[in-house]
Protein backbone atom coordinates (compact mmCIF):
# COMPACT_ATOMS: atom_id res chain seq x y z
CA MET A 1 29.86 32.28 -76.11
CA VAL A 2 28.82 29.32 -73.95
CA LEU A 3 27.03 30.49 -70.83
CA GLU A 4 27.83 28.69 -67.62
CA GLN A 5 24.39 29.43 -66.22
CA ARG A 6 22.04 28.16 -68.87
CA TYR A 7 18.95 28.15 -66.68
CA ARG A 8 18.14 30.21 -63.62
CA TRP A 9 17.59 27.11 -61.50
CA LYS A 10 19.20 23.73 -62.10
CA ASN A 11 17.10 20.56 -62.06
CA LYS A 12 18.15 19.69 -58.51
CA HIS A 13 16.99 23.13 -57.29
CA LEU A 14 13.60 22.66 -58.96
CA ARG A 15 13.24 19.29 -57.22
CA GLU A 16 14.04 21.00 -53.90
CA HIS A 17 11.38 23.64 -54.55
CA VAL A 18 8.80 20.88 -55.07
CA SER A 19 10.05 19.08 -51.93
CA VAL A 20 9.13 22.13 -49.85
CA LEU A 21 5.50 21.73 -50.95
CA ASP A 22 5.70 18.01 -50.15
CA GLY A 23 6.75 18.86 -46.59
CA LYS A 24 10.18 17.22 -46.97
CA LEU A 25 12.06 20.55 -46.77
CA SER A 26 11.35 23.67 -44.76
CA PRO A 27 10.91 27.04 -46.52
CA THR A 28 13.64 29.57 -45.70
CA ILE A 29 11.14 32.40 -45.12
CA LEU A 30 7.40 32.25 -44.41
CA LEU A 31 5.39 35.45 -44.78
CA LYS A 32 2.14 34.90 -42.85
CA ASN A 33 -1.06 36.91 -43.23
CA ALA A 34 0.40 38.91 -46.09
CA ARG A 35 -1.91 41.43 -47.76
CA TYR A 36 -0.40 41.61 -51.24
CA LEU A 37 -1.13 42.92 -54.72
CA ASN A 38 -2.43 40.10 -56.91
CA GLN A 39 -2.34 41.28 -60.52
CA ALA A 40 -4.32 38.33 -61.89
CA PHE A 41 -7.35 39.50 -59.87
CA ARG A 42 -6.32 43.20 -59.82
CA LYS A 43 -7.00 43.09 -56.09
CA TRP A 44 -5.28 43.23 -52.72
CA ILE A 45 -5.69 39.77 -51.20
CA THR A 46 -4.35 38.04 -48.09
CA ALA A 47 -2.32 34.82 -48.22
CA ASN A 48 0.71 33.01 -46.84
CA ILE A 49 3.82 33.28 -48.98
CA TRP A 50 6.48 30.57 -48.81
CA ILE A 51 10.00 31.40 -49.96
CA TYR A 52 12.80 28.92 -50.50
CA GLY A 53 16.20 30.48 -51.29
CA ASP A 54 15.60 33.10 -53.98
CA ARG A 55 12.20 31.84 -55.12
CA ILE A 56 8.54 32.10 -54.10
CA VAL A 57 7.45 28.44 -53.97
CA TYR A 58 3.83 28.90 -52.90
CA VAL A 59 1.20 31.64 -52.41
CA GLY A 60 -2.13 30.66 -50.83
CA ALA A 61 -3.98 29.71 -47.66
CA LYS A 62 -1.81 26.71 -46.67
CA LEU A 63 0.98 26.73 -44.10
CA PRO A 64 4.09 24.56 -44.42
CA GLU A 65 4.45 21.32 -42.44
CA LYS A 66 8.13 21.87 -41.69
CA LEU A 67 9.45 25.10 -40.15
CA GLU A 68 12.78 24.14 -38.59
CA GLN A 69 15.17 26.48 -40.48
CA CYS A 70 12.46 28.93 -41.41
CA GLU A 71 12.21 32.62 -40.57
CA VAL A 72 8.53 33.33 -39.87
CA VAL A 73 7.36 36.90 -40.44
CA ASP A 74 3.86 37.99 -39.46
CA CYS A 75 2.91 40.60 -42.09
CA THR A 76 -0.27 41.81 -40.37
CA GLY A 77 -0.62 45.55 -40.94
CA MET A 78 1.83 45.55 -43.90
CA THR A 79 1.06 45.82 -47.63
CA LEU A 80 3.23 43.77 -49.99
CA VAL A 81 4.02 44.57 -53.62
CA PRO A 82 6.53 43.11 -56.10
CA GLY A 83 10.02 44.63 -56.27
CA TYR A 84 10.07 47.59 -58.67
CA ILE A 85 11.80 47.43 -62.05
CA GLU A 86 13.81 50.27 -63.65
CA PRO A 87 13.69 49.43 -67.38
CA HIS A 88 16.07 52.15 -68.56
CA ALA A 89 19.06 52.60 -66.23
CA HIS A 90 22.31 54.32 -67.22
CA PRO A 91 24.36 52.99 -64.30
CA PHE A 92 27.52 54.97 -65.09
CA GLN A 93 26.45 58.53 -64.16
CA LEU A 94 29.43 59.06 -61.79
CA TYR A 95 28.04 56.15 -59.71
CA ASN A 96 28.68 52.57 -60.88
CA PRO A 97 26.31 49.65 -61.59
CA HIS A 98 27.03 48.03 -58.21
CA SER A 99 26.68 51.17 -56.07
CA PHE A 100 23.53 52.23 -57.93
CA ALA A 101 21.90 48.78 -57.52
CA SER A 102 22.73 48.82 -53.81
CA TYR A 103 21.20 52.29 -53.38
CA ALA A 104 18.15 51.55 -55.57
CA SER A 105 17.24 48.43 -53.62
CA GLN A 106 16.85 50.52 -50.43
CA PHE A 107 13.97 52.21 -52.23
CA GLY A 108 12.47 48.94 -53.49
CA THR A 109 13.87 48.99 -57.04
CA THR A 110 15.36 45.51 -57.13
CA THR A 111 15.58 44.85 -60.90
CA LEU A 112 17.55 47.10 -63.28
CA ILE A 113 17.77 46.91 -67.07
CA ASN A 114 21.07 48.63 -67.81
CA ASP A 115 22.78 50.49 -70.63
CA ASN A 116 25.95 48.68 -71.78
CA MET A 117 27.56 51.76 -73.42
CA VAL A 118 30.51 52.15 -71.02
CA LEU A 119 31.21 48.41 -71.14
CA ALA A 120 31.11 48.42 -74.95
CA LEU A 121 33.37 51.49 -75.28
CA GLN A 122 35.83 50.96 -72.42
CA GLN A 123 36.18 47.19 -72.02
CA ASP A 124 37.04 44.23 -74.18
CA LYS A 125 34.22 41.73 -74.52
CA LYS A 126 35.76 39.11 -72.23
CA LYS A 127 36.15 41.52 -69.30
CA ALA A 128 32.71 43.02 -69.91
CA PHE A 129 31.06 39.58 -69.82
CA SER A 130 32.97 38.53 -66.70
CA PHE A 131 31.64 41.73 -65.09
CA LEU A 132 28.07 40.80 -66.12
CA LYS A 133 28.63 37.43 -64.47
CA GLU A 134 29.85 39.10 -61.26
CA MET A 135 26.70 41.25 -61.25
CA ARG A 136 24.60 38.05 -61.10
CA ASN A 137 25.87 37.51 -57.55
CA ILE A 138 24.45 40.68 -56.00
CA PRO A 139 20.97 40.83 -54.41
CA ALA A 140 19.56 43.06 -57.17
CA THR A 141 18.72 41.50 -60.54
CA MET A 142 20.76 43.05 -63.37
CA TYR A 143 19.76 42.86 -67.02
CA TRP A 144 21.41 44.74 -69.89
CA TRP A 145 20.92 46.34 -73.30
CA CYS A 146 22.99 45.97 -76.44
CA ARG A 147 23.93 49.30 -78.07
CA PHE A 148 24.27 49.41 -81.86
CA ASP A 149 26.31 52.63 -82.06
CA ALA A 150 28.44 54.94 -79.92
CA GLN A 151 26.05 57.90 -79.96
CA THR A 152 29.05 59.96 -81.17
CA GLU A 153 31.68 59.95 -83.93
CA ILE A 154 34.43 57.74 -82.52
CA GLN A 155 37.61 56.48 -84.11
CA HIS A 156 37.49 52.77 -85.10
CA GLU A 157 33.73 52.47 -84.59
CA GLU A 158 33.68 49.51 -86.98
CA THR A 159 35.78 47.44 -84.53
CA THR A 160 34.03 48.53 -81.29
CA PHE A 161 30.60 47.91 -82.81
CA SER A 162 31.65 45.09 -85.08
CA HIS A 163 29.15 42.48 -86.24
CA GLY A 164 30.85 39.89 -83.99
CA ASN A 165 30.67 42.08 -80.89
CA ILE A 166 27.02 43.00 -81.42
CA LYS A 167 26.13 39.37 -82.06
CA SER A 168 27.82 38.23 -78.82
CA TRP A 169 26.04 40.88 -76.77
CA LEU A 170 22.65 40.10 -78.33
CA GLU A 171 23.08 36.39 -77.65
CA HIS A 172 23.98 36.95 -73.99
CA ASP A 173 21.13 35.77 -71.79
CA ALA A 174 21.41 38.80 -69.48
CA VAL A 175 20.67 41.09 -72.46
CA LEU A 176 16.96 41.84 -72.92
CA GLN A 177 16.97 44.49 -75.60
CA GLY A 178 18.75 46.23 -78.45
CA GLY A 179 19.16 49.99 -78.33
CA GLU A 180 18.43 52.58 -77.27
CA LEU A 181 18.15 53.62 -80.93
CA THR A 182 19.81 57.03 -80.82
CA GLY A 183 21.06 56.38 -84.37
CA TRP A 184 17.56 56.02 -85.86
CA PRO A 185 18.07 58.76 -88.54
CA LYS A 186 20.79 56.47 -90.00
CA LEU A 187 18.31 53.60 -89.90
CA LEU A 188 15.69 55.61 -91.82
CA ASP A 189 18.41 56.70 -94.29
CA GLY A 190 18.93 53.07 -95.24
CA ASP A 191 21.58 51.68 -92.84
CA ASP A 192 21.08 47.97 -93.51
CA MET A 193 23.55 46.78 -90.88
CA MET A 194 21.49 48.39 -88.11
CA LEU A 195 18.32 46.94 -89.62
CA HIS A 196 19.98 43.50 -89.67
CA TRP A 197 20.85 43.80 -85.96
CA ILE A 198 17.27 44.83 -85.18
CA GLN A 199 16.02 41.78 -87.11
CA GLU A 200 18.41 39.55 -85.15
CA THR A 201 17.20 41.08 -81.86
CA LYS A 202 13.60 40.37 -82.79
CA ARG A 203 14.46 36.85 -83.93
CA MET A 204 15.79 36.22 -80.41
CA ARG A 205 12.45 37.47 -79.01
CA LYS A 206 14.19 40.49 -77.46
CA LYS A 207 12.96 44.08 -77.50
CA ILE A 208 14.10 47.23 -79.31
CA GLU A 209 14.13 50.42 -77.25
CA GLY A 210 13.62 53.67 -79.17
CA HIS A 211 14.96 57.15 -78.57
CA PHE A 212 12.64 59.29 -80.67
CA PRO A 213 12.30 62.82 -79.24
CA GLY A 214 9.96 64.98 -81.30
CA ALA A 215 9.25 62.20 -83.83
CA SER A 216 6.16 62.77 -85.98
CA GLU A 217 3.37 60.24 -86.21
CA LYS A 218 4.69 59.13 -89.61
CA THR A 219 8.24 58.68 -88.28
CA LEU A 220 6.92 56.73 -85.28
CA SER A 221 4.98 54.47 -87.67
CA LYS A 222 8.05 53.83 -89.84
CA LEU A 223 10.18 53.00 -86.79
CA MET A 224 7.49 50.63 -85.50
CA LEU A 225 7.54 48.90 -88.93
CA LEU A 226 11.34 48.60 -88.67
CA GLY A 227 11.12 46.93 -85.25
CA ALA A 228 10.89 49.46 -82.38
CA ASP A 229 8.82 48.33 -79.39
CA CYS A 230 9.04 51.06 -76.76
CA ASP A 231 10.02 54.73 -76.46
CA HIS A 232 10.83 56.88 -73.42
CA GLU A 233 11.02 60.28 -75.16
CA SER A 234 7.42 61.51 -74.76
CA MET A 235 7.48 65.15 -73.66
CA THR A 236 3.74 65.86 -73.92
CA GLY A 237 0.48 63.96 -73.42
CA LYS A 238 0.03 64.05 -77.21
CA ASP A 239 3.42 62.28 -77.61
CA VAL A 240 2.14 59.53 -75.30
CA TYR A 241 -1.12 59.33 -77.26
CA ASN A 242 0.67 59.04 -80.63
CA ARG A 243 2.96 56.30 -79.36
CA LEU A 244 0.13 54.28 -77.84
CA LEU A 245 -1.85 54.70 -81.07
CA GLN A 246 1.03 53.17 -83.07
CA GLY A 247 1.30 50.19 -80.71
CA TYR A 248 4.29 51.25 -78.61
CA THR A 249 4.86 50.52 -74.97
CA VAL A 250 5.35 54.01 -73.54
CA SER A 251 7.90 54.68 -70.85
CA LEU A 252 7.04 57.82 -68.87
CA ARG A 253 10.16 59.70 -67.79
CA TYR A 254 11.06 61.54 -64.62
CA SER A 255 14.76 62.45 -64.73
CA SER A 256 17.05 65.20 -63.49
CA ILE A 257 17.09 66.81 -66.93
CA ARG A 258 13.52 65.90 -67.99
CA PRO A 259 11.27 65.72 -64.89
CA ASP A 260 8.28 65.24 -67.18
CA LEU A 261 6.07 62.78 -65.28
CA PRO A 262 3.63 65.18 -63.53
CA VAL A 263 2.93 67.12 -66.76
CA LEU A 264 2.66 63.93 -68.83
CA LEU A 265 0.06 62.49 -66.46
CA ASP A 266 -1.99 65.71 -66.40
CA GLU A 267 -1.97 65.96 -70.21
CA MET A 268 -2.71 62.23 -70.65
CA HIS A 269 -5.73 62.55 -68.37
CA GLU A 270 -6.93 65.61 -70.32
CA LEU A 271 -6.74 63.48 -73.49
CA GLY A 272 -8.81 60.76 -71.84
CA ILE A 273 -5.97 58.22 -71.41
CA ASP A 274 -7.02 56.21 -68.36
CA HIS A 275 -5.80 52.74 -69.28
CA TYR A 276 -2.22 52.06 -68.18
CA ASP A 277 -1.36 48.50 -69.23
CA GLN A 278 1.08 49.61 -71.95
CA ILE A 279 2.74 52.25 -69.80
CA ILE A 280 5.88 51.90 -67.66
CA PHE A 281 8.19 54.25 -65.69
CA THR A 282 11.85 55.28 -65.99
CA THR A 283 14.21 57.76 -64.30
CA ASP A 284 16.48 57.57 -67.40
CA GLY A 285 19.93 57.73 -65.79
CA SER A 286 19.61 60.71 -63.49
CA PHE A 287 22.55 61.94 -61.45
CA SER A 288 22.77 60.93 -57.81
CA SER A 289 21.39 64.04 -56.08
CA PHE A 290 18.11 63.63 -58.02
CA TYR A 291 17.65 60.25 -56.31
CA GLU A 292 17.53 61.57 -52.74
CA GLN A 293 13.73 61.32 -52.78
CA GLY A 294 13.75 57.78 -54.22
CA ILE A 295 13.74 56.07 -57.60
CA ILE A 296 10.78 54.20 -59.13
CA ASP A 297 8.98 54.44 -55.76
CA HIS A 298 8.92 58.22 -56.14
CA MET A 299 7.35 57.89 -59.60
CA ILE A 300 4.60 55.65 -58.16
CA ARG A 301 3.97 58.31 -55.49
CA ILE A 302 3.62 61.06 -58.13
CA ALA A 303 1.26 58.86 -60.20
CA ILE A 304 -0.99 58.18 -57.19
CA GLU A 305 -1.00 61.92 -56.34
CA LYS A 306 -2.01 62.64 -59.96
CA GLY A 307 -5.07 60.42 -59.70
CA VAL A 308 -3.76 57.15 -61.18
CA PRO A 309 -5.44 54.22 -59.34
CA ALA A 310 -2.91 52.73 -56.90
CA ILE A 311 -2.97 49.26 -58.50
CA ASP A 312 -2.20 50.76 -61.92
CA ALA A 313 0.60 52.86 -60.44
CA TYR A 314 2.21 49.73 -58.95
CA ASN A 315 1.63 47.75 -62.16
CA MET A 316 3.49 50.38 -64.22
CA ALA A 317 6.52 49.76 -61.98
CA THR A 318 6.27 45.96 -61.95
CA ILE A 319 4.13 43.62 -64.06
CA ASN A 320 3.81 45.96 -67.08
CA VAL A 321 7.60 46.09 -67.40
CA ALA A 322 7.98 42.34 -66.88
CA ARG A 323 5.33 41.57 -69.51
CA HIS A 324 6.91 43.98 -72.00
CA TYR A 325 10.24 42.14 -71.72
CA GLY A 326 8.71 38.67 -71.48
CA ILE A 327 10.17 38.08 -68.00
CA ASP A 328 6.88 37.96 -66.07
CA TYR A 329 7.48 34.26 -65.36
CA LEU A 330 10.30 35.53 -63.07
CA HIS A 331 9.53 39.14 -62.16
CA GLY A 332 6.88 41.75 -61.59
CA ASN A 333 4.40 39.77 -59.51
CA ILE A 334 4.07 37.94 -56.22
CA ALA A 335 3.12 34.45 -57.36
CA THR A 336 4.38 30.87 -57.23
CA GLY A 337 7.64 30.34 -59.11
CA ARG A 338 8.72 34.00 -59.21
CA VAL A 339 11.98 35.40 -57.90
CA ALA A 340 11.46 36.55 -54.32
CA ASN A 341 11.69 40.33 -54.85
CA ILE A 342 9.15 41.78 -52.44
CA ASN A 343 8.58 45.26 -50.99
CA PHE A 344 6.90 45.67 -47.60
CA LEU A 345 4.95 48.93 -47.39
CA SER A 346 3.38 50.69 -44.44
CA SER A 347 0.34 51.37 -46.66
CA GLU A 348 -0.61 51.22 -50.35
CA GLY A 349 -0.34 55.02 -50.58
CA GLU A 350 3.32 54.97 -49.48
CA PRO A 351 5.43 53.20 -52.14
CA THR A 352 8.80 53.62 -50.40
CA PRO A 353 9.25 50.29 -48.59
CA VAL A 354 9.97 49.75 -44.91
CA SER A 355 11.56 46.36 -45.68
CA VAL A 356 12.85 44.82 -48.92
CA LEU A 357 13.57 41.25 -50.02
CA ALA A 358 15.79 40.90 -53.10
CA LYS A 359 16.30 37.33 -54.36
CA GLY A 360 14.94 36.14 -51.03
CA GLU A 361 17.56 38.08 -49.06
CA TRP A 362 16.77 41.00 -46.74
CA VAL A 363 18.49 44.13 -48.03
CA LYS A 364 16.42 46.45 -45.83
CA LYS A 365 14.52 45.51 -42.68
CA ASP A 366 12.33 47.77 -40.57
CA GLY A 367 13.88 50.83 -42.20
CA VAL A 368 17.49 49.68 -41.68
CA ASN A 369 19.97 49.15 -44.55
CA LEU A 370 21.51 45.71 -43.95
CA ASP A 371 24.60 46.33 -46.16
CA ALA A 372 23.89 43.17 -48.15
CA TYR A 373 26.13 44.20 -51.08
CA GLU A 374 29.70 42.93 -50.85
CA SER A 375 32.43 45.04 -52.43
CA VAL A 376 33.55 44.36 -56.01
CA PRO A 377 37.21 43.65 -56.95
CA TRP A 378 37.11 46.33 -59.66
CA ASP A 379 40.66 45.77 -60.95
CA GLU A 380 39.82 42.18 -61.94
CA PHE A 381 37.27 43.53 -64.44
CA GLY A 382 39.53 46.16 -65.94
CA PHE A 383 38.06 49.07 -63.97
CA GLU A 384 41.31 50.56 -62.75
CA PRO A 385 42.22 54.25 -62.33
CA MET A 386 43.30 56.05 -65.51
CA ASN A 387 46.99 55.86 -66.23
CA ILE A 388 47.82 59.11 -68.03
CA ASP A 389 51.47 58.78 -69.00
CA TRP A 390 51.68 61.85 -71.24
CA ASP A 391 51.82 65.60 -70.67
CA LEU A 392 49.89 68.61 -71.86
CA THR A 393 52.04 71.65 -72.61
CA ALA A 394 51.57 75.33 -73.46
CA ASP A 395 51.88 74.32 -77.15
CA ASP A 396 48.60 72.42 -76.83
CA MET A 397 46.82 75.52 -75.56
CA GLN A 398 46.22 77.23 -78.90
CA PHE A 399 42.65 78.26 -79.65
CA SER A 400 42.66 79.80 -83.14
CA MET A 401 39.30 78.48 -84.32
CA PRO A 402 37.03 80.82 -86.41
CA PHE A 403 33.89 79.74 -84.58
CA GLY A 404 33.04 78.24 -81.23
CA ILE A 405 30.28 76.32 -79.50
CA LYS A 406 27.38 78.12 -77.82
CA MET A 407 25.21 76.38 -75.23
CA GLU A 408 21.48 76.87 -75.86
CA ASN A 409 20.61 74.81 -72.79
CA ALA A 410 22.28 72.07 -70.75
CA VAL A 411 22.68 69.78 -73.77
CA ILE A 412 21.87 71.60 -77.04
CA THR A 413 24.88 73.38 -78.59
CA LYS A 414 25.07 75.66 -81.65
CA PRO A 415 27.98 77.17 -83.59
CA TYR A 416 28.72 80.89 -83.15
CA SER A 417 31.36 83.32 -84.48
CA ILE A 418 34.16 84.11 -82.04
CA ALA A 419 34.63 87.88 -81.71
CA ILE A 420 37.07 87.94 -78.75
CA ASP A 421 40.86 87.70 -78.77
CA VAL A 422 41.77 84.10 -77.87
CA SER A 423 45.55 84.43 -78.21
CA SER A 424 46.04 85.65 -74.61
CA GLU A 425 46.78 83.42 -71.60
CA GLU A 426 43.52 84.41 -69.90
CA LEU A 427 40.05 85.50 -70.97
CA GLU A 428 38.14 88.40 -69.42
CA ARG A 429 35.50 87.78 -66.73
CA ASP A 430 32.89 90.13 -68.22
CA HIS A 431 31.56 87.50 -70.67
CA ASP A 432 30.61 83.82 -70.58
CA GLU A 433 33.20 82.49 -73.04
CA CYS A 434 35.82 79.94 -71.95
CA PHE A 435 38.66 78.04 -73.59
CA PHE A 436 37.36 74.57 -74.43
CA MET A 437 39.32 71.47 -75.34
CA LEU A 438 38.75 67.73 -75.84
CA VAL A 439 41.88 65.58 -75.56
CA ASP A 440 42.24 61.88 -76.31
CA ARG A 441 42.55 59.84 -73.09
CA GLU A 442 45.67 58.27 -74.66
CA GLY A 443 47.04 61.70 -75.63
CA HIS A 444 47.11 61.11 -79.42
CA TRP A 445 44.88 64.00 -80.55
CA ARG A 446 43.11 67.16 -79.38
CA ILE A 447 40.49 69.64 -80.57
CA ASN A 448 40.47 73.23 -79.25
CA THR A 449 37.72 75.83 -79.50
CA VAL A 450 35.76 78.31 -77.38
CA LEU A 451 32.65 77.49 -75.33
CA LYS A 452 30.02 80.16 -74.73
CA GLY A 453 27.37 79.87 -72.01
CA PHE A 454 29.07 77.44 -69.60
CA ALA A 455 30.54 79.88 -67.03
CA ASN A 456 31.88 83.41 -66.74
CA SER A 457 34.40 83.10 -63.90
CA LEU A 458 35.68 79.52 -63.97
CA ASP A 459 39.52 79.49 -63.85
CA GLY A 460 40.24 75.94 -64.98
CA MET A 461 38.45 72.58 -64.96
CA ALA A 462 39.55 69.14 -66.17
CA SER A 463 37.10 66.22 -66.45
CA SER A 464 37.60 62.62 -67.56
CA PHE A 465 33.84 62.17 -67.13
CA SER A 466 32.53 62.35 -70.69
CA ASN A 467 30.58 60.23 -73.15
CA THR A 468 33.72 58.52 -74.47
CA GLY A 469 36.03 58.83 -71.45
CA ASP A 470 38.20 61.40 -73.25
CA ILE A 471 39.32 64.47 -71.29
CA ILE A 472 37.48 67.81 -71.31
CA LEU A 473 39.21 71.06 -70.32
CA ILE A 474 37.22 74.28 -69.76
CA GLY A 475 38.31 77.59 -68.27
CA LYS A 476 39.31 81.22 -68.49
CA SER A 477 42.98 80.55 -67.73
CA LYS A 478 45.29 78.24 -69.68
CA ASP A 479 47.57 77.82 -66.64
CA GLU A 480 44.69 76.84 -64.36
CA MET A 481 43.40 74.37 -66.97
CA LEU A 482 46.86 72.76 -67.09
CA ASN A 483 47.03 72.72 -63.29
CA ALA A 484 43.63 70.96 -63.11
CA PHE A 485 44.77 68.46 -65.77
CA ASN A 486 47.98 67.65 -63.87
CA ARG A 487 45.97 66.94 -60.72
CA LEU A 488 43.59 64.78 -62.78
CA LYS A 489 46.63 62.70 -63.79
CA GLU A 490 47.71 62.29 -60.17
CA ILE A 491 44.35 61.01 -58.94
CA GLY A 492 43.76 58.67 -61.92
CA GLY A 493 40.70 60.42 -63.33
CA GLY A 494 37.82 62.53 -62.11
CA ILE A 495 36.62 66.13 -62.17
CA VAL A 496 39.09 68.73 -60.88
CA ILE A 497 38.86 72.54 -60.62
CA SER A 498 41.85 74.84 -60.12
CA GLU A 499 41.54 78.45 -59.00
CA GLY A 500 44.34 80.86 -58.14
CA GLY A 501 46.95 78.11 -58.53
CA LYS A 502 45.19 75.81 -56.02
CA ILE A 503 42.90 72.80 -56.43
CA VAL A 504 39.53 73.93 -55.02
CA GLN A 505 37.19 71.11 -56.15
CA GLU A 506 37.95 67.47 -56.71
CA MET A 507 35.85 64.39 -57.41
CA GLU A 508 37.86 61.20 -57.80
CA LEU A 509 36.51 58.80 -60.42
CA ARG A 510 38.78 55.82 -59.87
CA LEU A 511 36.93 53.45 -62.21
CA LYS A 512 38.23 54.29 -65.70
CA GLY A 513 37.99 58.02 -64.92
CA ILE A 514 34.22 57.75 -65.46
CA MET A 515 32.76 56.29 -62.25
CA SER A 516 33.30 56.62 -58.53
CA ASP A 517 33.87 53.59 -56.33
CA LYS A 518 32.10 55.35 -53.44
CA LYS A 519 28.55 54.77 -52.22
CA VAL A 520 25.83 56.83 -53.90
CA GLU A 521 25.11 58.67 -50.63
CA GLU A 522 28.75 59.91 -50.41
CA LEU A 523 28.79 60.78 -54.09
CA MET A 524 25.63 62.88 -53.68
CA GLU A 525 27.41 65.25 -51.32
CA GLU A 526 30.44 65.59 -53.64
CA GLU A 527 28.21 66.16 -56.65
CA LYS A 528 26.10 68.79 -54.89
CA GLN A 529 29.24 70.67 -53.81
CA LEU A 530 30.62 70.62 -57.36
CA VAL A 531 27.34 71.77 -58.93
CA HIS A 532 27.02 74.55 -56.34
CA TYR A 533 30.56 75.72 -57.15
CA LEU A 534 29.86 75.77 -60.90
CA ARG A 535 26.64 77.72 -60.35
CA ASP A 536 28.64 80.30 -58.40
CA LYS A 537 30.95 80.57 -61.40
CA GLY A 538 28.08 81.28 -63.77
CA TYR A 539 26.66 77.91 -64.87
CA ARG A 540 22.93 78.57 -65.29
CA HIS A 541 21.44 75.49 -67.03
CA GLU A 542 19.71 72.43 -65.52
CA ASP A 543 22.60 70.06 -64.88
CA PRO A 544 26.35 70.55 -65.54
CA MET A 545 27.02 66.79 -65.30
CA TYR A 546 24.74 66.14 -68.28
CA THR A 547 26.51 68.96 -70.12
CA LEU A 548 29.90 67.26 -69.65
CA LEU A 549 28.46 63.88 -70.64
CA PHE A 550 26.77 65.10 -73.82
CA PHE A 551 29.36 67.44 -75.41
CA SER A 552 30.25 64.56 -77.78
CA SER A 553 26.76 63.12 -78.25
CA THR A 554 25.77 63.29 -81.90
CA HIS A 555 22.16 62.25 -81.22
CA LEU A 556 21.67 65.86 -80.09
CA PRO A 557 21.77 68.98 -82.29
CA TYR A 558 23.58 70.97 -83.66
CA ILE A 559 27.33 70.96 -83.24
CA ARG A 560 29.43 68.49 -81.25
CA ILE A 561 33.03 68.05 -80.25
CA THR A 562 34.03 64.42 -81.01
CA GLN A 563 37.01 62.08 -81.45
CA GLN A 564 36.93 62.94 -85.14
CA GLY A 565 36.72 66.71 -84.60
CA MET A 566 34.08 69.46 -84.62
CA TYR A 567 31.00 67.76 -86.01
CA ASP A 568 27.90 69.18 -87.71
CA VAL A 569 25.07 66.84 -86.66
CA MET A 570 22.48 67.90 -89.24
CA ASN A 571 24.84 67.60 -92.22
CA LYS A 572 26.76 64.63 -90.73
CA THR A 573 30.12 66.21 -91.53
CA VAL A 574 33.36 66.90 -89.68
CA LEU A 575 33.92 70.67 -89.88
CA PHE A 576 37.41 70.70 -88.34
CA PRO A 577 39.30 67.47 -87.78
CA THR A 578 41.14 66.72 -84.53
CA ILE A 579 44.79 67.76 -84.42
CA MET A 580 47.29 64.93 -83.96
CA ARG A 581 49.72 65.56 -81.09
């Protein structure tokens, strides 16, 4: 694929940048008397910062000769730090990449390195790449990963993750890493194709992101030998220690399902880890309500509260990430030649910015959101509402499986023997077992079983939000499940709950049935309402949205419901195949 934008700045732009220093052109913004974090000296120093367009063209004591079209900002009393970087975003968690970037930048996170899973599974390559190009035009800076597998058993995996597709993604200049490596057991078992892709990634000087929960020291060593660079799955201080010992960059996590950061920092400090240069932060694709308190800024705040020196806390959110990915010539520091992503803080102890520059454009000023993100013509990129042109009938609602799926927590599921009568139209309310079904989004196949531990009084729910975009039905009543499904069809995808013959909860997901086109703030309220409703109906785990997302995810134990059927993760076998409709 030939990229239209081969370099970030064309030759004529570079000449203009030099002309500003020669006094022939005026900067666009001048930040005077700016006390800023200088990572070369590891100090807060004061200078004048000249910005031209989207680039910092000078940092030092001098002032420009020309100021005609220049906005002059006196930064006395402010503290400036580089824009924060989220190295591990999953920008499809009901919100979409555009709405999440817009929200994140209000909290100073102006660079996102994004999962490409939904683009790889739901879009053809041409549309996906035109979407990546569109995302270059927003104030936030968007980079991407290249997945090597679907994280589930899908039909036609060899075409979705074909050698040609992987190669095109890896070669794309917006892609910074391969992974995350959820399929690493396959790699250790001798999957040479995955090893080849890792080799290609490394040849292109790009990174490999691990996903190694609970991995032993020996396993971590083997994966480092095979090409892994970083891992975000540390759950204890000892996990952090082992990863650092083997040469990994360690990403500390604080997410809605694993809010580990405070414990990790306490345990790291107990182990004597007080050097932070190989440590970065991630919120690992949390759902919107978790982000009310902020994003990477909130992680910096926690780190400072836990005794991490302020400069180190800011470095973990900026320069450490940029150095890891080899993009520190553009990001992660306030220095000549860098992209003008700058956060203006009231003090160094308060990482949530008062004002934010992203690519030299104000996205927040004096606490006010400037609505700098223009809307996206979603249909042009293939993100239209679901068109479900098939029906579910009573014949589909047969649940004669010998065993069902039991939830151990929000995401771990085990098999269990069904002892209740599942031939009736409704299940009793005195237990936590529900009818459970996964149906192909195109209507070609289905798999029916029973789910234990999700809810005890949920009538009927239909969700097109899932790992693969296929449709999940859960409930006590077959009629209510069908009613919820029919409403799902009408609205073109989403999460719908029917109770007593009426629709009582509804979240429209107009982009492929997976994402909302609404702002994150609006989505938060809808999500909270839905979660509250499910808790009332007996959901008792951390996060029902993660549960829906991960029912198909074969990187988690022990039993999964996938496009190929009921799947035993440990033995890598399909126990019951899907039924063709």
